[in-house]
N, C-alpha and C. Protein backbone atom coordinates (compact mmCIF):
# COMPACT_ATOMS: atom_id res chain seq x y z
N MET A 1 -196.47 -169.36 -40.63
CA MET A 1 -196.09 -169.94 -41.79
C MET A 1 -195.34 -171.23 -41.55
N LYS A 2 -195.91 -172.36 -42.27
CA LYS A 2 -195.48 -173.64 -42.10
C LYS A 2 -194.86 -174.21 -43.45
N VAL A 3 -193.67 -174.49 -43.36
CA VAL A 3 -192.97 -175.11 -44.76
C VAL A 3 -192.41 -176.43 -44.20
N ASN A 4 -192.66 -177.39 -45.08
CA ASN A 4 -192.04 -178.70 -44.74
C ASN A 4 -190.82 -178.71 -45.54
N ILE A 5 -189.48 -178.54 -44.73
CA ILE A 5 -188.21 -178.62 -45.58
C ILE A 5 -187.88 -179.66 -46.24
N ASN A 6 -188.60 -180.81 -46.18
CA ASN A 6 -188.26 -181.99 -46.90
C ASN A 6 -188.59 -182.01 -48.33
N GLU A 7 -189.52 -180.70 -48.69
CA GLU A 7 -189.95 -180.59 -50.13
C GLU A 7 -189.14 -179.43 -50.68
N TYR A 8 -188.21 -178.80 -50.05
CA TYR A 8 -187.63 -177.77 -50.60
C TYR A 8 -186.05 -177.58 -50.25
N ASP A 9 -185.23 -177.01 -51.09
CA ASP A 9 -183.95 -176.92 -50.94
C ASP A 9 -183.56 -175.82 -49.88
N LYS A 10 -182.41 -175.96 -49.40
CA LYS A 10 -182.12 -174.89 -48.14
C LYS A 10 -182.07 -173.52 -48.68
N GLY A 11 -182.03 -173.16 -49.91
CA GLY A 11 -182.02 -172.06 -50.52
C GLY A 11 -183.33 -171.54 -50.58
N ASP A 12 -184.22 -172.24 -50.93
CA ASP A 12 -185.55 -171.90 -50.88
C ASP A 12 -186.26 -171.67 -49.43
N ILE A 13 -185.81 -172.34 -48.51
CA ILE A 13 -186.20 -172.18 -47.20
C ILE A 13 -185.83 -170.72 -46.70
N MET A 14 -184.42 -170.36 -47.13
CA MET A 14 -183.95 -169.09 -46.44
C MET A 14 -184.81 -167.73 -47.22
N ARG A 15 -185.11 -168.08 -48.59
CA ARG A 15 -185.78 -166.94 -49.31
C ARG A 15 -187.27 -166.87 -48.70
N PHE A 16 -187.81 -168.08 -48.46
CA PHE A 16 -189.15 -168.12 -47.84
C PHE A 16 -189.15 -167.33 -46.62
N ILE A 17 -188.32 -167.65 -45.74
CA ILE A 17 -188.12 -166.62 -44.47
C ILE A 17 -187.99 -165.37 -44.72
N ARG A 18 -187.00 -165.15 -45.46
CA ARG A 18 -186.62 -163.70 -45.71
C ARG A 18 -187.91 -162.90 -46.21
N GLN A 19 -188.54 -163.55 -47.15
CA GLN A 19 -189.71 -163.07 -47.90
C GLN A 19 -191.02 -162.76 -46.76
N TRP A 20 -191.02 -163.55 -45.83
CA TRP A 20 -191.97 -163.59 -44.84
C TRP A 20 -191.70 -162.35 -43.89
N THR A 21 -190.41 -162.09 -43.66
CA THR A 21 -190.17 -160.85 -42.96
C THR A 21 -190.38 -159.47 -43.45
N GLY A 22 -190.62 -159.63 -45.00
CA GLY A 22 -190.76 -158.49 -45.54
C GLY A 22 -189.78 -157.61 -45.98
N LEU A 23 -188.32 -158.14 -45.67
CA LEU A 23 -187.04 -157.39 -45.80
C LEU A 23 -186.48 -157.68 -47.18
N THR A 24 -186.02 -156.82 -47.91
CA THR A 24 -185.15 -157.03 -48.90
C THR A 24 -183.72 -157.87 -48.51
N GLN A 25 -183.18 -158.59 -49.34
CA GLN A 25 -181.78 -158.89 -49.08
C GLN A 25 -180.84 -158.16 -48.34
N LYS A 26 -180.78 -156.97 -48.71
CA LYS A 26 -179.86 -156.06 -48.10
C LYS A 26 -180.19 -155.78 -46.69
N ASP A 27 -181.58 -155.48 -46.41
CA ASP A 27 -181.89 -155.31 -45.16
C ASP A 27 -181.73 -156.50 -44.20
N PHE A 28 -182.34 -157.50 -44.75
CA PHE A 28 -182.07 -158.79 -44.02
C PHE A 28 -180.77 -159.15 -43.49
N ALA A 29 -179.80 -158.77 -44.59
CA ALA A 29 -178.31 -158.99 -44.36
C ALA A 29 -177.91 -158.22 -43.30
N LYS A 30 -178.28 -156.98 -43.13
CA LYS A 30 -177.79 -156.01 -42.24
C LYS A 30 -178.49 -156.39 -40.79
N VAL A 31 -179.69 -156.76 -40.63
CA VAL A 31 -180.33 -157.48 -39.50
C VAL A 31 -179.46 -158.68 -39.00
N MET A 32 -179.16 -159.53 -39.75
CA MET A 32 -178.40 -160.64 -39.34
C MET A 32 -177.03 -160.52 -39.27
N GLY A 33 -176.45 -159.24 -39.56
CA GLY A 33 -174.92 -159.24 -39.62
C GLY A 33 -174.04 -159.93 -40.71
N LYS A 34 -174.70 -160.10 -41.89
CA LYS A 34 -174.13 -160.73 -42.80
C LYS A 34 -174.04 -159.59 -44.17
N SER A 35 -173.34 -160.10 -45.07
CA SER A 35 -173.20 -159.30 -46.30
C SER A 35 -174.59 -159.58 -47.09
N LYS A 36 -174.87 -158.67 -48.02
CA LYS A 36 -176.02 -158.96 -49.05
C LYS A 36 -175.62 -160.22 -49.98
N ARG A 37 -174.29 -160.34 -50.14
CA ARG A 37 -173.90 -161.29 -51.00
C ARG A 37 -173.89 -162.71 -50.49
N THR A 38 -173.70 -162.79 -49.08
CA THR A 38 -173.95 -163.75 -48.33
C THR A 38 -175.38 -164.60 -48.47
N ILE A 39 -176.37 -163.39 -48.24
CA ILE A 39 -177.78 -163.82 -48.39
C ILE A 39 -178.09 -164.21 -49.66
N GLU A 40 -177.76 -163.51 -50.67
CA GLU A 40 -177.86 -163.93 -52.18
C GLU A 40 -177.45 -165.33 -52.28
N ASP A 41 -176.04 -165.91 -51.89
CA ASP A 41 -175.78 -167.23 -51.85
C ASP A 41 -176.60 -168.04 -51.05
N TYR A 42 -176.92 -167.80 -49.96
CA TYR A 42 -177.67 -168.74 -49.37
C TYR A 42 -178.85 -169.03 -50.14
N GLU A 43 -179.56 -167.96 -50.59
CA GLU A 43 -180.92 -168.10 -51.32
C GLU A 43 -180.65 -168.90 -52.63
N ALA A 44 -179.29 -168.75 -53.38
CA ALA A 44 -179.31 -169.45 -54.33
C ALA A 44 -178.71 -170.96 -54.26
N GLY A 45 -178.46 -171.01 -53.16
CA GLY A 45 -177.79 -172.51 -52.67
C GLY A 45 -176.27 -172.60 -53.04
N LYS A 46 -175.76 -171.37 -53.29
CA LYS A 46 -174.28 -171.64 -53.50
C LYS A 46 -173.41 -171.71 -52.15
N GLN A 47 -174.14 -171.30 -50.97
CA GLN A 47 -173.44 -171.41 -49.80
C GLN A 47 -174.46 -171.76 -48.68
N ASN A 48 -173.84 -172.83 -47.82
CA ASN A 48 -174.82 -173.26 -46.87
C ASN A 48 -174.66 -172.37 -45.68
N TYR A 49 -175.84 -172.45 -45.00
CA TYR A 49 -175.86 -171.73 -43.63
C TYR A 49 -175.89 -172.81 -42.64
N ASN A 50 -175.60 -172.55 -41.45
CA ASN A 50 -175.50 -173.54 -40.45
C ASN A 50 -176.80 -173.48 -39.55
N ILE A 51 -177.00 -174.32 -38.67
CA ILE A 51 -178.21 -174.35 -37.87
C ILE A 51 -178.19 -173.20 -36.86
N GLU A 52 -177.06 -172.82 -36.39
CA GLU A 52 -177.08 -171.70 -35.52
C GLU A 52 -177.40 -170.53 -36.18
N PHE A 53 -177.21 -170.30 -37.32
CA PHE A 53 -177.69 -168.94 -38.13
C PHE A 53 -179.21 -169.28 -38.16
N LEU A 54 -179.75 -170.60 -38.58
CA LEU A 54 -180.91 -170.55 -38.64
C LEU A 54 -181.81 -170.37 -37.32
N LYS A 55 -181.36 -170.69 -36.09
CA LYS A 55 -181.70 -170.38 -34.79
C LYS A 55 -181.68 -168.98 -34.59
N ASP A 56 -180.81 -168.43 -34.96
CA ASP A 56 -180.64 -166.89 -34.92
C ASP A 56 -181.76 -166.08 -35.52
N VAL A 57 -181.89 -166.55 -36.78
CA VAL A 57 -183.17 -166.06 -37.68
C VAL A 57 -184.33 -166.14 -36.81
N ALA A 58 -184.53 -167.29 -36.31
CA ALA A 58 -186.03 -167.69 -35.76
C ALA A 58 -186.17 -166.66 -34.54
N GLU A 59 -185.12 -166.60 -33.66
CA GLU A 59 -185.19 -165.77 -32.34
C GLU A 59 -185.42 -164.32 -32.63
N ARG A 60 -184.63 -163.82 -33.74
CA ARG A 60 -184.90 -162.39 -34.12
C ARG A 60 -186.17 -162.07 -34.56
N PHE A 61 -186.69 -163.00 -35.39
CA PHE A 61 -187.99 -162.77 -36.07
C PHE A 61 -189.18 -163.33 -35.23
N ASN A 62 -188.86 -164.03 -34.22
CA ASN A 62 -189.88 -164.58 -33.29
C ASN A 62 -190.82 -165.70 -34.14
N ILE A 63 -190.11 -166.57 -35.01
CA ILE A 63 -190.79 -167.82 -35.63
C ILE A 63 -190.30 -169.03 -35.20
N VAL A 64 -190.93 -170.00 -35.56
CA VAL A 64 -190.75 -171.26 -34.99
C VAL A 64 -190.36 -172.09 -36.05
N ILE A 65 -189.21 -172.77 -36.03
CA ILE A 65 -188.78 -173.60 -36.90
C ILE A 65 -188.65 -175.13 -36.40
N TYR A 66 -189.20 -175.94 -37.18
CA TYR A 66 -189.03 -177.26 -36.53
C TYR A 66 -188.90 -178.40 -37.66
N PHE A 67 -188.41 -179.40 -37.19
CA PHE A 67 -188.07 -180.38 -38.19
C PHE A 67 -188.76 -181.81 -37.85
N GLU A 68 -189.43 -182.32 -38.96
CA GLU A 68 -190.08 -183.59 -38.58
C GLU A 68 -189.51 -184.67 -39.58
N ASN A 69 -189.76 -185.92 -39.07
CA ASN A 69 -189.01 -187.15 -39.89
C ASN A 69 -190.02 -187.37 -40.85
N LYS A 70 -189.35 -187.62 -42.06
CA LYS A 70 -190.29 -188.25 -43.14
C LYS A 70 -190.89 -189.76 -42.67
N LYS A 71 -192.24 -189.76 -43.39
CA LYS A 71 -192.71 -190.85 -42.99
C LYS A 71 -193.05 -191.87 -44.11
């Protein structure tokens, strides 16, 4: 999966990743050690996740996340 994060907000990115894993919000939250409410808030853009959380997601699900400069 390749997603240009410049085209989406952080909530969309987290939802794309979770859906790509095939997990529900509840199951994703359990795997990541978060509450379902926290994952809901991440996806809704009500709460920000940090780069360390994103790194943990990438490692646990063996996905590559990279950032590009806008040109």
